[in-house]
């Protein structure tokens, strides 16, 4: 059986996985598929584990496979009746009802246009159904979800980079925030929206994020300092 952090291939199987003390279950993430008595690996990559019971395959991919509950960045491509179609980088577009916004009613409709960038949560994600998005949390609040404000830059990157910069072990955003104020929204579908105080700062931040995928923490801190110095020299 492969160990955590081993390179794995489709067809490999896992057994004796850790389970939650409360539920007695194991949570499987992207790249893993459950069977009656084992778990099989369905895409190549590196086996990862997070306490207490979450396993997934870390792979360099750009095609996003929707996962229920994940936050994504999408682009509105069309409006069909009361439903918006949103490109989230998966094999098919996601749907978003106009009622899936905070305070939305039939009389009070949200202002959403084709081409807008949305930060949303996947409510439905299954290989047998169309992905469905919402821009509210379980209490009906937006909680930062919705149409992204004008300006900024939408970076398309690998899903591996997204997982890296969201990791508690990665100091990229903390290091950037010490020198450059900015807004950021990270989608698990390999998209990162960034807005700095100016186009120059936004470009510097985007370039730093994009280059961080294969850097260690020391190299990331150096890249942040170089970005700061380059902006100061302008």
Protein backbone atom coordinates (compact mmCIF):
# COMPACT_ATOMS: atom_id res chain seq x y z
CA UNK A 1 0.00 0.00 0.00
CA UNK A 2 1.35 3.50 -0.84
CA UNK A 3 2.25 5.78 2.04
CA UNK A 4 1.32 9.44 2.43
CA UNK A 5 3.47 11.66 0.14
CA UNK A 6 4.20 8.73 -2.19
CA UNK A 7 3.68 9.08 -5.95
CA UNK A 8 0.64 7.01 -6.94
CA UNK A 9 -0.94 5.91 -10.22
CA UNK A 10 -4.47 4.98 -11.33
CA UNK A 11 -5.23 1.42 -10.31
CA UNK A 12 -3.32 1.56 -7.01
CA UNK A 13 -5.44 0.79 -3.96
CA UNK A 14 -5.48 2.03 -0.37
CA UNK A 15 -6.56 0.25 2.79
CA UNK A 16 -6.40 0.71 6.58
CA UNK A 17 -7.12 4.43 6.27
CA UNK A 18 -7.53 6.59 9.35
CA UNK A 19 -11.09 7.33 10.43
CA UNK A 20 -12.69 10.05 12.52
CA UNK A 21 -13.18 9.15 16.19
CA UNK A 22 -16.63 10.78 16.12
CA UNK A 23 -18.08 9.44 12.88
CA UNK A 24 -15.87 6.42 12.25
CA UNK A 25 -15.56 7.51 8.62
CA UNK A 26 -12.80 8.54 6.23
CA UNK A 27 -13.20 11.56 3.96
CA UNK A 28 -11.98 11.06 0.37
CA UNK A 29 -10.96 14.02 -1.75
CA UNK A 30 -10.15 14.40 -5.46
CA UNK A 31 -8.47 11.44 -7.15
CA UNK A 32 -9.87 8.74 -4.85
CA UNK A 33 -12.84 6.43 -5.28
CA UNK A 34 -14.45 4.25 -2.62
CA UNK A 35 -15.34 0.57 -3.13
CA UNK A 36 -16.83 -2.04 -0.81
CA UNK A 37 -13.58 -3.03 0.88
CA UNK A 38 -10.95 -0.64 -0.49
CA UNK A 39 -10.23 2.74 -2.00
CA UNK A 40 -8.82 3.03 -5.51
CA UNK A 41 -6.74 5.80 -7.02
CA UNK A 42 -8.20 7.21 -10.24
CA UNK A 43 -5.62 9.84 -11.22
CA UNK A 44 -1.82 10.12 -10.94
CA UNK A 45 -0.24 12.35 -8.34
CA UNK A 46 0.97 12.43 -4.75
CA UNK A 47 -1.05 10.93 -1.93
CA UNK A 48 -1.81 13.58 0.70
CA UNK A 49 -3.37 13.38 4.18
CA UNK A 50 -4.77 15.93 6.60
CA UNK A 51 -5.80 15.19 10.19
CA UNK A 52 -7.96 13.62 11.28
CA UNK A 53 -9.30 11.61 8.31
CA UNK A 54 -8.98 13.45 4.97
CA UNK A 55 -7.10 11.88 2.04
CA UNK A 56 -6.69 13.22 -1.51
CA UNK A 57 -4.42 13.06 -4.57
CA UNK A 58 -2.32 16.16 -5.20
CA UNK A 59 -1.82 16.45 -8.97
CA UNK A 60 -0.85 19.11 -11.47
CA UNK A 61 -4.12 19.58 -13.30
CA UNK A 62 -6.04 22.50 -14.78
CA UNK A 63 -9.30 20.74 -15.61
CA UNK A 64 -11.42 21.17 -12.50
CA UNK A 65 -13.60 18.38 -11.16
CA UNK A 66 -16.43 19.99 -9.11
CA UNK A 67 -16.56 19.07 -5.43
CA UNK A 68 -19.57 19.95 -3.29
CA UNK A 69 -18.85 22.67 -0.74
CA UNK A 70 -15.77 24.10 -2.48
CA UNK A 71 -15.50 27.80 -3.26
CA UNK A 72 -14.79 28.59 -6.91
CA UNK A 73 -14.29 31.60 -9.15
CA UNK A 74 -16.46 31.56 -12.26
CA UNK A 75 -17.24 33.76 -15.23
CA UNK A 76 -20.86 34.39 -16.21
CA UNK A 77 -21.30 33.29 -19.84
CA UNK A 78 -25.04 33.65 -20.40
CA UNK A 79 -28.44 34.17 -18.84
CA UNK A 80 -31.20 31.68 -19.55
CA UNK A 81 -34.50 32.67 -17.96
CA UNK A 82 -33.92 32.94 -14.22
CA UNK A 83 -30.67 30.98 -14.33
CA UNK A 84 -27.13 32.12 -15.09
CA UNK A 85 -24.60 29.85 -16.77
CA UNK A 86 -21.13 30.08 -15.24
CA UNK A 87 -17.79 28.82 -16.55
CA UNK A 88 -15.89 27.27 -13.61
CA UNK A 89 -13.27 25.43 -15.66
CA UNK A 90 -14.96 22.02 -15.47
CA UNK A 91 -16.17 19.83 -18.34
CA UNK A 92 -19.56 21.54 -18.23
CA UNK A 93 -20.80 24.91 -17.09
CA UNK A 94 -22.48 25.41 -13.72
CA UNK A 95 -25.91 26.90 -13.14
CA UNK A 96 -26.70 29.70 -10.70
CA UNK A 97 -30.22 30.82 -9.81
CA UNK A 98 -30.87 34.54 -9.40
CA UNK A 99 -32.39 33.67 -6.00
CA UNK A 100 -29.04 32.25 -4.79
CA UNK A 101 -27.86 35.70 -3.65
CA UNK A 102 -28.30 37.41 -0.28
CA UNK A 103 -31.58 39.31 -0.16
CA UNK A 104 -32.64 38.25 -3.65
CA UNK A 105 -36.37 38.01 -4.44
CA UNK A 106 -38.42 38.02 -7.63
CA UNK A 107 -38.76 41.79 -7.27
CA UNK A 108 -35.25 42.45 -5.95
CA UNK A 109 -33.02 40.74 -8.48
CA UNK A 110 -29.21 40.84 -8.23
CA UNK A 111 -27.27 42.83 -10.80
CA UNK A 112 -25.33 40.19 -12.72
CA UNK A 113 -24.06 40.64 -16.27
CA UNK A 114 -22.43 38.34 -18.81
CA UNK A 115 -18.67 38.58 -18.28
CA UNK A 116 -18.89 39.21 -14.53
CA UNK A 117 -16.57 37.25 -12.25
CA UNK A 118 -18.33 35.43 -9.40
CA UNK A 119 -17.09 33.95 -6.15
CA UNK A 120 -19.46 31.12 -5.31
CA UNK A 121 -19.88 27.80 -3.51
CA UNK A 122 -20.77 24.51 -5.17
CA UNK A 123 -24.12 23.36 -3.79
CA UNK A 124 -24.45 20.38 -6.13
CA UNK A 125 -21.51 18.50 -7.63
CA UNK A 126 -21.99 15.03 -9.09
CA UNK A 127 -20.81 13.22 -12.20
CA UNK A 128 -24.48 12.60 -13.05
CA UNK A 129 -25.82 16.16 -12.67
CA UNK A 130 -24.98 19.69 -13.73
CA UNK A 131 -22.94 21.63 -11.13
CA UNK A 132 -25.04 24.16 -9.21
CA UNK A 133 -23.67 27.27 -7.49
CA UNK A 134 -24.89 29.54 -4.71
CA UNK A 135 -23.58 32.91 -3.51
CA UNK A 136 -24.86 32.53 0.06
CA UNK A 137 -23.87 30.43 3.06
CA UNK A 138 -26.10 28.18 5.16
CA UNK A 139 -27.62 31.19 6.95
CA UNK A 140 -28.49 33.06 3.76
CA UNK A 141 -25.64 35.55 4.11
CA UNK A 142 -23.20 36.36 1.32
CA UNK A 143 -20.12 35.92 3.56
CA UNK A 144 -17.85 37.36 0.87
CA UNK A 145 -19.52 35.47 -1.98
CA UNK A 146 -21.11 37.14 -5.00
CA UNK A 147 -20.06 39.31 -7.92
CA UNK A 148 -16.44 40.41 -7.70
CA UNK A 149 -15.96 44.18 -7.76
CA UNK A 150 -14.64 45.76 -10.94
CA UNK A 151 -10.92 45.86 -11.52
CA UNK A 152 -8.28 43.45 -10.42
CA UNK A 153 -6.88 40.51 -12.36
CA UNK A 154 -8.11 36.92 -12.66
CA UNK A 155 -5.17 34.50 -12.66
CA UNK A 156 -5.71 31.05 -14.16
CA UNK A 157 -3.29 28.58 -12.56
CA UNK A 158 -2.92 24.93 -11.62
CA UNK A 159 -5.06 23.43 -8.89
CA UNK A 160 -1.84 22.33 -7.22
CA UNK A 161 -0.81 25.99 -6.77
CA UNK A 162 -4.19 26.83 -5.24
CA UNK A 163 -3.85 24.06 -2.67
CA UNK A 164 -0.32 25.19 -1.89
CA UNK A 165 -1.12 28.86 -1.25
CA UNK A 166 -4.15 27.92 0.87
CA UNK A 167 -2.07 25.58 3.02
CA UNK A 168 -1.43 26.71 6.58
CA UNK A 169 2.25 25.98 5.96
CA UNK A 170 2.51 28.50 3.10
CA UNK A 171 3.41 32.05 4.17
CA UNK A 172 2.92 33.70 0.76
CA UNK A 173 -0.11 35.85 1.58
CA UNK A 174 1.22 36.83 5.01
CA UNK A 175 4.53 37.89 3.49
CA UNK A 176 2.81 39.89 0.74
CA UNK A 177 0.47 41.61 3.21
CA UNK A 178 3.42 42.99 5.19
CA UNK A 179 4.47 45.09 2.20
CA UNK A 180 1.53 45.41 -0.19
CA UNK A 181 -2.15 45.89 0.72
CA UNK A 182 -4.38 43.88 -1.62
CA UNK A 183 -7.64 41.99 -1.97
CA UNK A 184 -7.68 38.35 -2.99
CA UNK A 185 -10.21 35.59 -3.65
CA UNK A 186 -8.99 32.03 -4.24
CA UNK A 187 -11.07 29.45 -6.05
CA UNK A 188 -10.40 25.75 -5.70
CA UNK A 189 -10.90 25.50 -9.47
CA UNK A 190 -7.48 26.97 -10.21
CA UNK A 191 -8.37 30.65 -10.32
CA UNK A 192 -7.13 33.50 -8.16
CA UNK A 193 -8.53 37.05 -8.30
CA UNK A 194 -6.19 39.78 -7.08
CA UNK A 195 -6.60 43.55 -6.76
CA UNK A 196 -3.84 45.87 -5.54
CA UNK A 197 -3.80 49.64 -5.09
CA UNK A 198 -2.66 50.13 -8.68
CA UNK A 199 -2.18 48.13 -11.86
CA UNK A 200 1.55 47.98 -11.16
CA UNK A 201 1.05 46.51 -7.68
CA UNK A 202 -1.62 44.12 -8.94
CA UNK A 203 0.74 42.84 -11.66
CA UNK A 204 3.57 42.39 -9.18
CA UNK A 205 1.37 40.43 -6.76
CA UNK A 206 -0.05 38.23 -9.54
CA UNK A 207 3.44 37.44 -10.85
CA UNK A 208 4.64 36.55 -7.36
CA UNK A 209 1.70 34.21 -6.79
CA UNK A 210 2.11 32.55 -10.19
CA UNK A 211 5.83 31.91 -9.61
CA UNK A 212 5.34 30.40 -6.13
CA UNK A 213 4.19 26.96 -7.27
CA UNK A 214 7.65 25.35 -7.29
CA UNK A 215 9.30 27.56 -4.65
CA UNK A 216 10.13 26.70 -1.06
CA UNK A 217 9.33 29.13 1.77
CA UNK A 218 12.73 30.82 1.63
CA UNK A 219 12.40 31.42 -2.09
CA UNK A 220 8.85 32.74 -1.66
CA UNK A 221 9.98 35.34 0.90
CA UNK A 222 12.76 36.41 -1.45
CA UNK A 223 10.31 36.76 -4.35
CA UNK A 224 8.05 38.94 -2.18
CA UNK A 225 10.94 41.23 -1.28
CA UNK A 226 11.93 41.48 -4.95
CA UNK A 227 8.36 42.44 -5.86
CA UNK A 228 8.33 45.10 -3.14
CA UNK A 229 11.66 46.55 -4.34
CA UNK A 230 10.53 46.54 -7.98
CA UNK A 231 7.39 48.51 -7.09
CA UNK A 232 9.36 50.99 -4.99
CA UNK A 233 11.66 51.62 -7.94
CA UNK A 234 8.81 52.57 -10.28
